Amino acid sequence: MSKDTKRLGRGIASIISTPPADAQSIQGIPPPPQSPTPHSPMAGHQRLAMVPLSSIRPNPSQPRRTFDQQALEALAESMRRRGTLQPIALRPTESGFELIAGERRFRAAQMAGLESIPAIVRPVKDEDLLELALIENIQRENLNPVERAIAYRNLNTQHKLSHDEIAARMGEDRTTVSNYMRLLGLDAEVLALVAGGDLSMGHAKALLGIADIKHQQSLAGRIVREGWSVRQTEAAITKATQDVANKPSKEVKARPAVADMERKLTDALGTRVTIKEGRRRHTGKITIEYYALDDFERVTEKLGVERDPA
């Protein structure tokens, strides 16, 4: 077992513990005398059973967005020849069953034309579903950086977990979680290159230093075409940033009173604040910057703004 897998304390083992004794009848995968139902006496306990594919619906919280079609076909062919060697994980619902883990095996079983599949069935709360699906995919190393970033964001926004809480549950450090979530600030075209493996995590982090979308897209395309390393990318972005900084500014310098107020607001809120005066007297715009959701929440708390209850 890898070090990363050991760190995931609430991993897939937390939903699939040692199968009950009656699961031994599944060896060789003969169908049970009766199909399980969500409201059977065993519905409140973990059990291993053959479940009809028609009664299973995918996990809406599945963090994985892309599935290799060729790999699915190979798995489907293996299932036709040898059957399903590893059960999927399901939870009972009012209308049937919902996937917790094993969507690749579920899809391959459908492609193989199977009618049922071995599954470990146990109750799982809604708030745990995304976390367990995410952990299962991370342990199998199936998620690309963008899928992982979206999953972390969902844990943060839907389940109200802080970056620290996500890090603790995923066996990561807080910086890693924040870096993944920052990726979602990239342009959609650039994110597609990251998701497809054309750009690495290192490339993506460097491109976050480019604020202009067109420049970001252009540079990303050049990285892919010319096969730049992460170091080459960082050097190019540093040079571009310096060129912009050295370019004479056409903006009117802020009045001393305005600059003084910017400094005071920046100190008070702990983040950069800029004030731009309007053309009309006593009008203008205040910009408050934040760099992560935790940072945003900290600033709003300082401003006395309460979040609406979930």
C-alpha atoms as a PDB file:
ATOM      1  CA  MET A   1       0.000   0.000   0.000  1.00  0.00           C
ATOM      2  CA  SER A   2       1.414   3.410  -0.921  1.00  0.00           C
ATOM      3  CA  LYS A   3       2.134   6.155   1.580  1.00  0.00           C
ATOM      4  CA  ASP A   4      -0.597   8.349   0.052  1.00  0.00           C
ATOM      5  CA  THR A   5      -3.186   5.603   0.384  1.00  0.00           C
ATOM      6  CA  LYS A   6      -2.267   5.069   4.061  1.00  0.00           C
ATOM      7  CA  ARG A   7      -2.789   8.765   4.756  1.00  0.00           C
ATOM      8  CA  LEU A   8      -6.384   8.637   3.578  1.00  0.00           C
ATOM      9  CA  GLY A   9      -7.729   7.436   6.898  1.00  0.00           C
ATOM     10  CA  ARG A  10     -11.365   7.668   5.798  1.00  0.00           C
ATOM     11  CA  GLY A  11     -10.681   5.918   2.533  1.00  0.00           C
ATOM     12  CA  ILE A  12     -12.710   3.341   0.676  1.00  0.00           C
ATOM     13  CA  ALA A  13     -11.955   0.887   3.485  1.00  0.00           C
ATOM     14  CA  SER A  14     -14.248   2.988   5.658  1.00  0.00           C
ATOM     15  CA  ILE A  15     -17.203   2.054   3.484  1.00  0.00           C
ATOM     16  CA  ILE A  16     -16.110  -1.453   2.560  1.00  0.00           C
ATOM     17  CA  SER A  17     -14.983  -3.296   5.651  1.00  0.00           C
ATOM     18  CA  THR A  18     -14.625  -7.066   5.944  1.00  0.00           C
ATOM     19  CA  PRO A  19     -17.594  -8.596   4.081  1.00  0.00           C
ATOM     20  CA  PRO A  20     -20.167 -10.420   6.213  1.00  0.00           C
ATOM     21  CA  ALA A  21     -20.123 -14.196   6.419  1.00  0.00           C
ATOM     22  CA  ASP A  22     -23.078 -14.632   4.043  1.00  0.00           C
ATOM     23  CA  ALA A  23     -21.026 -12.967   1.311  1.00  0.00           C
ATOM     24  CA  GLN A  24     -19.075 -16.202   0.825  1.00  0.00           C
ATOM     25  CA  SER A  25     -21.933 -17.457  -1.360  1.00  0.00           C
ATOM     26  CA  ILE A  26     -20.962 -14.798  -3.911  1.00  0.00           C
ATOM     27  CA  GLN A  27     -17.712 -16.587  -4.785  1.00  0.00           C
ATOM     28  CA  GLY A  28     -18.090 -17.748  -8.352  1.00  0.00           C
ATOM     29  CA  ILE A  29     -20.807 -15.064  -8.537  1.00  0.00           C
ATOM     30  CA  PRO A  30     -23.971 -17.193  -8.533  1.00  0.00           C
ATOM     31  CA  PRO A  31     -27.113 -15.027  -8.138  1.00  0.00           C
ATOM     32  CA  PRO A  32     -28.748 -15.056  -4.685  1.00  0.00           C
ATOM     33  CA  PRO A  33     -32.183 -16.647  -4.239  1.00  0.00           C
ATOM     34  CA  GLN A  34     -33.806 -13.202  -3.997  1.00  0.00           C
ATOM     35  CA  SER A  35     -32.784  -9.795  -5.309  1.00  0.00           C
ATOM     36  CA  PRO A  36     -32.088  -7.278  -2.539  1.00  0.00           C
ATOM     37  CA  THR A  37     -34.476  -4.405  -1.972  1.00  0.00           C
ATOM     38  CA  PRO A  38     -33.743  -1.044  -0.353  1.00  0.00           C
ATOM     39  CA  HIS A  39     -36.206  -1.744   2.470  1.00  0.00           C
ATOM     40  CA  SER A  40     -35.240  -5.324   3.213  1.00  0.00           C
ATOM     41  CA  PRO A  41     -34.340  -6.259   6.822  1.00  0.00           C
ATOM     42  CA  MET A  42     -30.676  -6.059   5.872  1.00  0.00           C
ATOM     43  CA  ALA A  43     -30.974  -2.514   4.443  1.00  0.00           C
ATOM     44  CA  GLY A  44     -29.483  -0.975   7.561  1.00  0.00           C
ATOM     45  CA  HIS A  45     -26.404  -3.245   7.514  1.00  0.00           C
ATOM     46  CA  GLN A  46     -23.521  -3.781   5.157  1.00  0.00           C
ATOM     47  CA  ARG A  47     -24.019  -6.788   2.919  1.00  0.00           C
ATOM     48  CA  LEU A  48     -22.665  -8.288  -0.280  1.00  0.00           C
ATOM     49  CA  ALA A  49     -25.258  -9.094  -2.949  1.00  0.00           C
ATOM     50  CA  MET A  50     -25.871  -9.433  -6.695  1.00  0.00           C
ATOM     51  CA  VAL A  51     -27.717  -6.262  -7.704  1.00  0.00           C
ATOM     52  CA  PRO A  52     -29.555  -5.776 -11.049  1.00  0.00           C
ATOM     53  CA  LEU A  53     -27.871  -3.074 -13.132  1.00  0.00           C
ATOM     54  CA  SER A  54     -31.284  -1.644 -13.953  1.00  0.00           C
ATOM     55  CA  SER A  55     -31.820  -0.726 -10.290  1.00  0.00           C
ATOM     56  CA  ILE A  56     -28.562   1.276  -9.995  1.00  0.00           C
ATOM     57  CA  ARG A  57     -28.183   4.963 -10.730  1.00  0.00           C
ATOM     58  CA  PRO A  58     -24.808   6.768 -11.006  1.00  0.00           C
ATOM     59  CA  ASN A  59     -23.443   8.911  -8.206  1.00  0.00           C
ATOM     60  CA  PRO A  60     -24.384  12.567  -8.905  1.00  0.00           C
ATOM     61  CA  SER A  61     -21.375  13.582  -6.796  1.00  0.00           C
ATOM     62  CA  GLN A  62     -18.927  11.547  -8.892  1.00  0.00           C
ATOM     63  CA  PRO A  63     -15.857  13.794  -9.206  1.00  0.00           C
ATOM     64  CA  ARG A  64     -14.539  11.986 -12.244  1.00  0.00           C
ATOM     65  CA  ARG A  65     -15.765  13.581 -15.482  1.00  0.00           C
ATOM     66  CA  THR A  66     -13.830  11.666 -18.161  1.00  0.00           C
ATOM     67  CA  PHE A  67     -13.676   7.921 -18.804  1.00  0.00           C
ATOM     68  CA  ASP A  68     -11.257   6.315 -21.259  1.00  0.00           C
ATOM     69  CA  GLN A  69     -13.506   4.575 -23.777  1.00  0.00           C
ATOM     70  CA  GLN A  70     -10.828   2.101 -24.883  1.00  0.00           C
ATOM     71  CA  ALA A  71     -10.080   1.122 -21.278  1.00  0.00           C
ATOM     72  CA  LEU A  72     -13.822   0.680 -20.607  1.00  0.00           C
ATOM     73  CA  GLU A  73     -14.150  -1.632 -23.619  1.00  0.00           C
ATOM     74  CA  ALA A  74     -11.201  -3.712 -22.419  1.00  0.00           C
ATOM     75  CA  LEU A  75     -12.734  -3.980 -18.948  1.00  0.00           C
ATOM     76  CA  ALA A  76     -16.107  -4.920 -20.457  1.00  0.00           C
ATOM     77  CA  GLU A  77     -14.476  -7.716 -22.465  1.00  0.00           C
ATOM     78  CA  SER A  78     -12.745  -8.979 -19.315  1.00  0.00           C
ATOM     79  CA  MET A  79     -16.115  -9.027 -17.522  1.00  0.00           C
ATOM     80  CA  ARG A  80     -17.691 -11.030 -20.353  1.00  0.00           C
ATOM     81  CA  ARG A  81     -14.931 -13.635 -20.090  1.00  0.00           C
ATOM     82  CA  ARG A  82     -14.239 -13.808 -16.359  1.00  0.00           C
ATOM     83  CA  GLY A  83     -17.103 -12.026 -14.643  1.00  0.00           C
ATOM     84  CA  THR A  84     -16.745  -9.148 -12.158  1.00  0.00           C
ATOM     85  CA  LEU A  85     -13.885  -9.874  -9.776  1.00  0.00           C
ATOM     86  CA  GLN A  86     -14.292  -6.824  -7.528  1.00  0.00           C
ATOM     87  CA  PRO A  87     -17.649  -5.595  -6.182  1.00  0.00           C
ATOM     88  CA  ILE A  88     -18.822  -2.023  -6.536  1.00  0.00           C
ATOM     89  CA  ALA A  89     -20.130  -0.054  -3.539  1.00  0.00           C
ATOM     90  CA  LEU A  90     -23.779   1.050  -3.372  1.00  0.00           C
ATOM     91  CA  ARG A  91     -26.154   2.708  -0.965  1.00  0.00           C
ATOM     92  CA  PRO A  92     -29.876   1.899  -0.847  1.00  0.00           C
ATOM     93  CA  THR A  93     -32.359   4.562  -1.979  1.00  0.00           C
ATOM     94  CA  GLU A  94     -36.145   4.704  -2.126  1.00  0.00           C
ATOM     95  CA  SER A  95     -36.154   3.682  -5.794  1.00  0.00           C
ATOM     96  CA  GLY A  96     -33.200   1.284  -5.897  1.00  0.00           C
ATOM     97  CA  PHE A  97     -29.495   1.831  -5.359  1.00  0.00           C
ATOM     98  CA  GLU A  98     -26.965   4.623  -5.901  1.00  0.00           C
ATOM     99  CA  LEU A  99     -23.277   4.222  -6.655  1.00  0.00           C
ATOM    100  CA  ILE A 100     -20.775   5.143  -3.990  1.00  0.00           C
ATOM    101  CA  ALA A 101     -17.705   3.822  -5.803  1.00  0.00           C
ATOM    102  CA  GLY A 102     -16.988   1.757  -8.903  1.00  0.00           C
ATOM    103  CA  GLU A 103     -18.517   3.718 -11.774  1.00  0.00           C
ATOM    104  CA  ARG A 104     -15.986   2.336 -14.273  1.00  0.00           C
ATOM    105  CA  ARG A 105     -16.977  -1.220 -13.374  1.00  0.00           C
ATOM    106  CA  PHE A 106     -20.658  -0.261 -13.501  1.00  0.00           C
ATOM    107  CA  ARG A 107     -20.301   1.265 -16.989  1.00  0.00           C
ATOM    108  CA  ALA A 108     -18.214  -1.658 -18.224  1.00  0.00           C
ATOM    109  CA  ALA A 109     -20.809  -4.128 -16.924  1.00  0.00           C
ATOM    110  CA  GLN A 110     -23.479  -2.268 -18.914  1.00  0.00           C
ATOM    111  CA  MET A 111     -21.288  -2.401 -22.030  1.00  0.00           C
ATOM    112  CA  ALA A 112     -20.701  -6.123 -21.448  1.00  0.00           C
ATOM    113  CA  GLY A 113     -24.461  -6.735 -21.416  1.00  0.00           C
ATOM    114  CA  LEU A 114     -24.500  -8.099 -17.870  1.00  0.00           C
ATOM    115  CA  GLU A 115     -27.804  -8.099 -15.992  1.00  0.00           C
ATOM    116  CA  SER A 116     -26.402  -7.830 -12.456  1.00  0.00           C
ATOM    117  CA  ILE A 117     -23.174  -7.038 -10.640  1.00  0.00           C
ATOM    118  CA  PRO A 118     -21.745  -7.961  -7.213  1.00  0.00           C
ATOM    119  CA  ALA A 119     -21.978  -5.030  -4.828  1.00  0.00           C
ATOM    120  CA  ILE A 120     -21.377  -4.165  -1.213  1.00  0.00           C
ATOM    121  CA  VAL A 121     -24.488  -2.330  -0.026  1.00  0.00           C
ATOM    122  CA  ARG A 122     -24.588  -0.081   3.007  1.00  0.00           C
ATOM    123  CA  PRO A 123     -26.257   3.189   4.044  1.00  0.00           C
ATOM    124  CA  VAL A 124     -24.246   6.374   3.406  1.00  0.00           C
ATOM    125  CA  LYS A 125     -25.358   9.907   4.218  1.00  0.00           C
ATOM    126  CA  ASP A 126     -25.678  12.505   1.451  1.00  0.00           C
ATOM    127  CA  GLU A 127     -22.967  14.656   2.992  1.00  0.00           C
ATOM    128  CA  ASP A 128     -20.496  11.732   2.877  1.00  0.00           C
ATOM    129  CA  LEU A 129     -21.180  10.703  -0.727  1.00  0.00           C
ATOM    130  CA  LEU A 130     -18.891  13.202  -2.503  1.00  0.00           C
ATOM    131  CA  GLU A 131     -16.106  12.704   0.015  1.00  0.00           C
ATOM    132  CA  LEU A 132     -16.119   8.911  -0.370  1.00  0.00           C
ATOM    133  CA  ALA A 133     -16.296   9.079  -4.171  1.00  0.00           C
ATOM    134  CA  LEU A 134     -13.414  11.542  -4.184  1.00  0.00           C
ATOM    135  CA  ILE A 135     -11.264   9.437  -1.877  1.00  0.00           C
ATOM    136  CA  GLU A 136     -11.901   6.310  -3.936  1.00  0.00           C
ATOM    137  CA  ASN A 137     -10.798   8.055  -7.126  1.00  0.00           C
ATOM    138  CA  ILE A 138      -7.731   9.603  -5.485  1.00  0.00           C
ATOM    139  CA  GLN A 139      -6.639   6.220  -4.131  1.00  0.00           C
ATOM    140  CA  ARG A 140      -6.926   4.783  -7.618  1.00  0.00           C
ATOM    141  CA  GLU A 141      -5.131   7.853  -9.065  1.00  0.00           C
ATOM    142  CA  ASN A 142      -7.898   8.293 -11.658  1.00  0.00           C
ATOM    143  CA  LEU A 143      -8.642  12.005 -11.285  1.00  0.00           C
ATOM    144  CA  ASN A 144      -6.968  14.661 -13.408  1.00  0.00           C
ATOM    145  CA  PRO A 145      -6.013  17.952 -11.663  1.00  0.00           C
ATOM    146  CA  VAL A 146      -9.128  19.800 -12.845  1.00  0.00           C
ATOM    147  CA  GLU A 147     -11.487  17.051 -11.654  1.00  0.00           C
ATOM    148  CA  ARG A 148      -9.768  17.067  -8.284  1.00  0.00           C
ATOM    149  CA  ALA A 149      -9.987  20.869  -8.091  1.00  0.00           C
ATOM    150  CA  ILE A 150     -13.732  20.779  -8.849  1.00  0.00           C
ATOM    151  CA  ALA A 151     -14.268  18.065  -6.249  1.00  0.00           C
ATOM    152  CA  TYR A 152     -12.395  20.091  -3.614  1.00  0.00           C
ATOM    153  CA  ARG A 153     -14.460  23.160  -4.525  1.00  0.00           C
ATOM    154  CA  ASN A 154     -17.666  21.142  -4.136  1.00  0.00           C
ATOM    155  CA  LEU A 155     -16.566  19.935  -0.714  1.00  0.00           C
ATOM    156  CA  ASN A 156     -15.907  23.566   0.160  1.00  0.00           C
ATOM    157  CA  THR A 157     -19.104  25.102  -1.231  1.00  0.00           C
ATOM    158  CA  GLN A 158     -21.674  22.299  -0.919  1.00  0.00           C
ATOM    159  CA  HIS A 159     -20.456  20.688   2.289  1.00  0.00           C
ATOM    160  CA  LYS A 160     -19.028  23.844   3.897  1.00  0.00           C
ATOM    161  CA  LEU A 161     -15.631  22.292   4.574  1.00  0.00           C
ATOM    162  CA  SER A 162     -12.711  24.697   4.984  1.00  0.00           C
ATOM    163  CA  HIS A 163      -9.416  24.158   3.169  1.00  0.00           C
ATOM    164  CA  ASP A 164      -7.956  22.817   6.411  1.00  0.00           C
ATOM    165  CA  GLU A 165     -10.828  20.346   6.858  1.00  0.00           C
ATOM    166  CA  ILE A 166     -10.560  19.136   3.255  1.00  0.00           C
ATOM    167  CA  ALA A 167      -6.813  18.690   3.661  1.00  0.00           C
ATOM    168  CA  ALA A 168      -7.270  16.665   6.855  1.00  0.00           C
ATOM    169  CA  ARG A 169      -9.849  14.362   5.273  1.00  0.00           C
ATOM    170  CA  MET A 170      -7.912  13.884   2.046  1.00  0.00           C
ATOM    171  CA  GLY A 171      -4.553  13.320   3.741  1.00  0.00           C
ATOM    172  CA  GLU A 172      -3.100  16.402   2.041  1.00  0.00           C
ATOM    173  CA  ASP A 173      -1.599  19.598   3.381  1.00  0.00           C
ATOM    174  CA  ARG A 174      -3.641  22.787   3.188  1.00  0.00           C
ATOM    175  CA  THR A 175      -1.375  24.377   0.551  1.00  0.00           C
ATOM    176  CA  THR A 176      -1.944  21.477  -1.831  1.00  0.00           C
ATOM    177  CA  VAL A 177      -5.724  21.779  -1.515  1.00  0.00           C
ATOM    178  CA  SER A 178      -5.583  25.552  -2.051  1.00  0.00           C
ATOM    179  CA  ASN A 179      -3.308  25.159  -5.092  1.00  0.00           C
ATOM    180  CA  TYR A 180      -5.728  22.730  -6.726  1.00  0.00           C
ATOM    181  CA  MET A 181      -8.675  25.037  -6.108  1.00  0.00           C
ATOM    182  CA  ARG A 182      -6.751  28.018  -7.488  1.00  0.00           C
ATOM    183  CA  LEU A 183      -6.560  26.203 -10.846  1.00  0.00           C
ATOM    184  CA  LEU A 184     -10.224  26.977 -11.384  1.00  0.00           C
ATOM    185  CA  GLY A 185      -9.237  30.614 -11.840  1.00  0.00           C
ATOM    186  CA  LEU A 186      -7.691  29.711 -15.207  1.00  0.00           C
ATOM    187  CA  ASP A 187      -9.473  30.286 -18.506  1.00  0.00           C
ATOM    188  CA  ALA A 188     -11.743  27.419 -19.637  1.00  0.00           C
ATOM    189  CA  GLU A 189      -9.585  26.679 -22.703  1.00  0.00           C
ATOM    190  CA  VAL A 190      -6.477  26.440 -20.540  1.00  0.00           C
ATOM    191  CA  LEU A 191      -8.288  24.217 -18.025  1.00  0.00           C
ATOM    192  CA  ALA A 192      -9.210  21.865 -20.878  1.00  0.00           C
ATOM    193  CA  LEU A 193      -5.504  21.496 -21.716  1.00  0.00           C
ATOM    194  CA  VAL A 194      -4.742  20.712 -18.072  1.00  0.00           C
ATOM    195  CA  ALA A 195      -7.579  18.168 -17.875  1.00  0.00           C
ATOM    196  CA  GLY A 196      -6.363  16.508 -21.077  1.00  0.00           C
ATOM    197  CA  GLY A 197      -2.806  16.184 -19.805  1.00  0.00           C
ATOM    198  CA  ASP A 198      -1.308  18.642 -22.316  1.00  0.00           C
ATOM    199  CA  LEU A 199      -0.351  20.990 -19.488  1.00  0.00           C
ATOM    200  CA  SER A 200       1.004  19.811 -16.143  1.00  0.00           C
ATOM    201  CA  MET A 201       0.058  21.074 -12.707  1.00  0.00           C
ATOM    202  CA  GLY A 202       3.303  23.065 -12.713  1.00  0.00           C
ATOM    203  CA  HIS A 203       2.435  24.741 -16.006  1.00  0.00           C
ATOM    204  CA  ALA A 204      -1.042  25.559 -14.724  1.00  0.00           C
ATOM    205  CA  LYS A 205       0.232  27.129 -11.499  1.00  0.00           C
ATOM    206  CA  ALA A 206       2.640  29.294 -13.485  1.00  0.00           C
ATOM    207  CA  LEU A 207      -0.100  30.439 -15.887  1.00  0.00           C
ATOM    208  CA  LEU A 208      -2.116  31.739 -12.950  1.00  0.00           C
ATOM    209  CA  GLY A 209       0.380  34.602 -12.963  1.00  0.00           C
ATOM    210  CA  ILE A 210      -1.079  35.838 -16.261  1.00  0.00           C
ATOM    211  CA  ALA A 211      -4.221  37.882 -15.632  1.00  0.00           C
ATOM    212  CA  ASP A 212      -5.023  38.682 -19.260  1.00  0.00           C
ATOM    213  CA  ILE A 213      -7.159  35.847 -20.682  1.00  0.00           C
ATOM    214  CA  LYS A 214      -5.984  36.237 -24.298  1.00  0.00           C
ATOM    215  CA  HIS A 215      -2.351  36.250 -23.206  1.00  0.00           C
ATOM    216  CA  GLN A 216      -3.001  33.222 -20.985  1.00  0.00           C
ATOM    217  CA  GLN A 217      -4.572  31.287 -23.880  1.00  0.00           C
ATOM    218  CA  SER A 218      -1.799  32.279 -26.287  1.00  0.00           C
ATOM    219  CA  LEU A 219       0.960  31.305 -23.893  1.00  0.00           C
ATOM    220  CA  ALA A 220      -0.719  27.986 -23.041  1.00  0.00           C
ATOM    221  CA  GLY A 221      -0.936  27.128 -26.733  1.00  0.00           C
ATOM    222  CA  ARG A 222       2.732  27.956 -27.221  1.00  0.00           C
ATOM    223  CA  ILE A 223       3.732  25.795 -24.239  1.00  0.00           C
ATOM    224  CA  VAL A 224       1.937  22.818 -25.793  1.00  0.00           C
ATOM    225  CA  ARG A 225       3.205  23.412 -29.356  1.00  0.00           C
ATOM    226  CA  GLU A 226       6.843  23.970 -28.380  1.00  0.00           C
ATOM    227  CA  GLY A 227       6.945  21.508 -25.488  1.00  0.00           C
ATOM    228  CA  TRP A 228       8.105  23.979 -22.867  1.00  0.00           C
ATOM    229  CA  SER A 229       9.212  22.747 -19.480  1.00  0.00           C
ATOM    230  CA  VAL A 230       7.736  24.240 -16.321  1.00  0.00           C
ATOM    231  CA  ARG A 231      10.972  26.203 -15.799  1.00  0.00           C
ATOM    232  CA  GLN A 232      10.787  27.691 -19.315  1.00  0.00           C
ATOM    233  CA  THR A 233       7.168  28.625 -18.666  1.00  0.00           C
ATOM    234  CA  GLU A 234       7.980  30.320 -15.374  1.00  0.00           C
ATOM    235  CA  ALA A 235      10.839  32.259 -16.995  1.00  0.00           C
ATOM    236  CA  ALA A 236       8.608  33.479 -19.836  1.00  0.00           C
ATOM    237  CA  ILE A 237       5.884  34.585 -17.411  1.00  0.00           C
ATOM    238  CA  THR A 238       8.410  36.357 -15.170  1.00  0.00           C
ATOM    239  CA  LYS A 239       9.764  38.249 -18.187  1.00  0.00           C
ATOM    240  CA  ALA A 240       6.259  39.166 -19.368  1.00  0.00           C
ATOM    241  CA  THR A 241       5.360  40.407 -15.888  1.00  0.00           C
ATOM    242  CA  GLN A 242       8.534  42.518 -15.681  1.00  0.00           C
ATOM    243  CA  ASP A 243       7.874  44.008 -19.118  1.00  0.00           C
ATOM    244  CA  VAL A 244       4.405  45.088 -17.992  1.00  0.00           C
ATOM    245  CA  ALA A 245       5.798  46.510 -14.739  1.00  0.00           C
ATOM    246  CA  ASN A 246       8.465  48.507 -16.598  1.00  0.00           C
ATOM    247  CA  LYS A 247       6.013  49.877 -19.142  1.00  0.00           C
ATOM    248  CA  PRO A 248       5.230  53.543 -18.450  1.00  0.00           C
ATOM    249  CA  SER A 249       1.852  53.823 -16.807  1.00  0.00           C
ATOM    250  CA  LYS A 250      -0.770  56.151 -18.260  1.00  0.00           C
ATOM    251  CA  GLU A 251      -2.823  56.074 -15.081  1.00  0.00           C
ATOM    252  CA  VAL A 252      -3.041  59.193 -12.972  1.00  0.00           C
ATOM    253  CA  LYS A 253      -1.233  58.761  -9.675  1.00  0.00           C
ATOM    254  CA  ALA A 254      -3.598  58.625  -6.696  1.00  0.00           C
ATOM    255  CA  ARG A 255      -3.837  61.707  -4.535  1.00  0.00           C
ATOM    256  CA  PRO A 256      -1.973  61.422  -1.206  1.00  0.00           C
ATOM    257  CA  ALA A 257      -5.229  61.294   0.768  1.00  0.00           C
ATOM    258  CA  VAL A 258      -6.530  58.457  -1.416  1.00  0.00           C
ATOM    259  CA  ALA A 259      -3.251  56.519  -1.199  1.00  0.00           C
ATOM    260  CA  ASP A 260      -3.287  56.937   2.581  1.00  0.00           C
ATOM    261  CA  MET A 261      -6.836  55.547   2.773  1.00  0.00           C
ATOM    262  CA  GLU A 262      -5.821  52.587   0.565  1.00  0.00           C
ATOM    263  CA  ARG A 263      -3.064  51.735   3.037  1.00  0.00           C
ATOM    264  CA  LYS A 264      -5.418  52.003   6.013  1.00  0.00           C
ATOM    265  CA  LEU A 265      -8.072  49.787   4.400  1.00  0.00           C
ATOM    266  CA  THR A 266      -5.416  47.263   3.353  1.00  0.00           C
ATOM    267  CA  ASP A 267      -4.111  47.080   6.934  1.00  0.00           C
ATOM    268  CA  ALA A 268      -7.624  46.816   8.376  1.00  0.00           C
ATOM    269  CA  LEU A 269      -8.793  44.012   6.061  1.00  0.00           C
ATOM    270  CA  GLY A 270      -5.483  42.189   5.674  1.00  0.00           C
ATOM    271  CA  THR A 271      -5.719  42.170   1.877  1.00  0.00           C
ATOM    272  CA  ARG A 272      -4.985  44.572  -0.951  1.00  0.00           C
ATOM    273  CA  VAL A 273      -7.531  47.380  -1.352  1.00  0.00           C
ATOM    274  CA  THR A 274      -7.434  49.940  -4.191  1.00  0.00           C
ATOM    275  CA  ILE A 275      -9.457  53.111  -4.646  1.00  0.00           C
ATOM    276  CA  LYS A 276     -10.108  54.614  -8.058  1.00  0.00           C
ATOM    277  CA  GLU A 277     -11.705  58.047  -8.083  1.00  0.00           C
ATOM    278  CA  GLY A 278     -14.427  58.707 -10.637  1.00  0.00           C
ATOM    279  CA  ARG A 279     -14.638  61.597 -13.072  1.00  0.00           C
ATOM    280  CA  ARG A 280     -17.374  63.235 -11.043  1.00  0.00           C
ATOM    281  CA  ARG A 281     -16.492  64.706  -7.679  1.00  0.00           C
ATOM    282  CA  HIS A 282     -16.932  62.379  -4.685  1.00  0.00           C
ATOM    283  CA  THR A 283     -17.503  59.264  -6.815  1.00  0.00           C
ATOM    284  CA  GLY A 284     -15.277  56.258  -7.427  1.00  0.00           C
ATOM    285  CA  LYS A 285     -14.717  52.544  -6.937  1.00  0.00           C
ATOM    286  CA  ILE A 286     -13.189  50.486  -4.113  1.00  0.00           C
ATOM    287  CA  THR A 287     -11.673  47.112  -5.058  1.00  0.00           C
ATOM    288  CA  ILE A 288     -11.023  44.500  -2.369  1.00  0.00           C
ATOM    289  CA  GLU A 289      -8.909  41.536  -3.495  1.00  0.00           C
ATOM    290  CA  TYR A 290      -9.057  37.963  -2.165  1.00  0.00           C
ATOM    291  CA  TYR A 291      -7.095  34.882  -3.168  1.00  0.00           C
ATOM    292  CA  ALA A 292      -9.125  31.888  -1.961  1.00  0.00           C
ATOM    293  CA  LEU A 293     -12.568  31.161  -0.568  1.00  0.00           C
ATOM    294  CA  ASP A 294     -11.193  31.107   2.987  1.00  0.00           C
ATOM    295  CA  ASP A 295      -9.681  34.524   2.334  1.00  0.00           C
ATOM    296  CA  PHE A 296     -13.016  35.796   1.004  1.00  0.00           C
ATOM    297  CA  GLU A 297     -14.847  34.537   4.081  1.00  0.00           C
ATOM    298  CA  ARG A 298     -12.262  36.150   6.366  1.00  0.00           C
ATOM    299  CA  VAL A 299     -12.690  39.519   4.627  1.00  0.00           C
ATOM    300  CA  THR A 300     -16.495  39.378   4.715  1.00  0.00           C
ATOM    301  CA  GLU A 301     -16.389  38.523   8.415  1.00  0.00           C
ATOM    302  CA  LYS A 302     -14.214  41.586   9.030  1.00  0.00           C
ATOM    303  CA  LEU A 303     -16.799  43.642   7.153  1.00  0.00           C
ATOM    304  CA  GLY A 304     -19.547  42.231   9.376  1.00  0.00           C
ATOM    305  CA  VAL A 305     -21.325  40.425   6.535  1.00  0.00           C
ATOM    306  CA  GLU A 306     -22.965  37.160   7.620  1.00  0.00           C
ATOM    307  CA  ARG A 307     -23.357  34.227   5.214  1.00  0.00           C
ATOM    308  CA  ASP A 308     -26.846  32.966   4.489  1.00  0.00           C
ATOM    309  CA  PRO A 309     -27.575  29.599   6.164  1.00  0.00           C
ATOM    310  CA  ALA A 310     -27.192  26.572   3.872  1.00  0.00           C
END
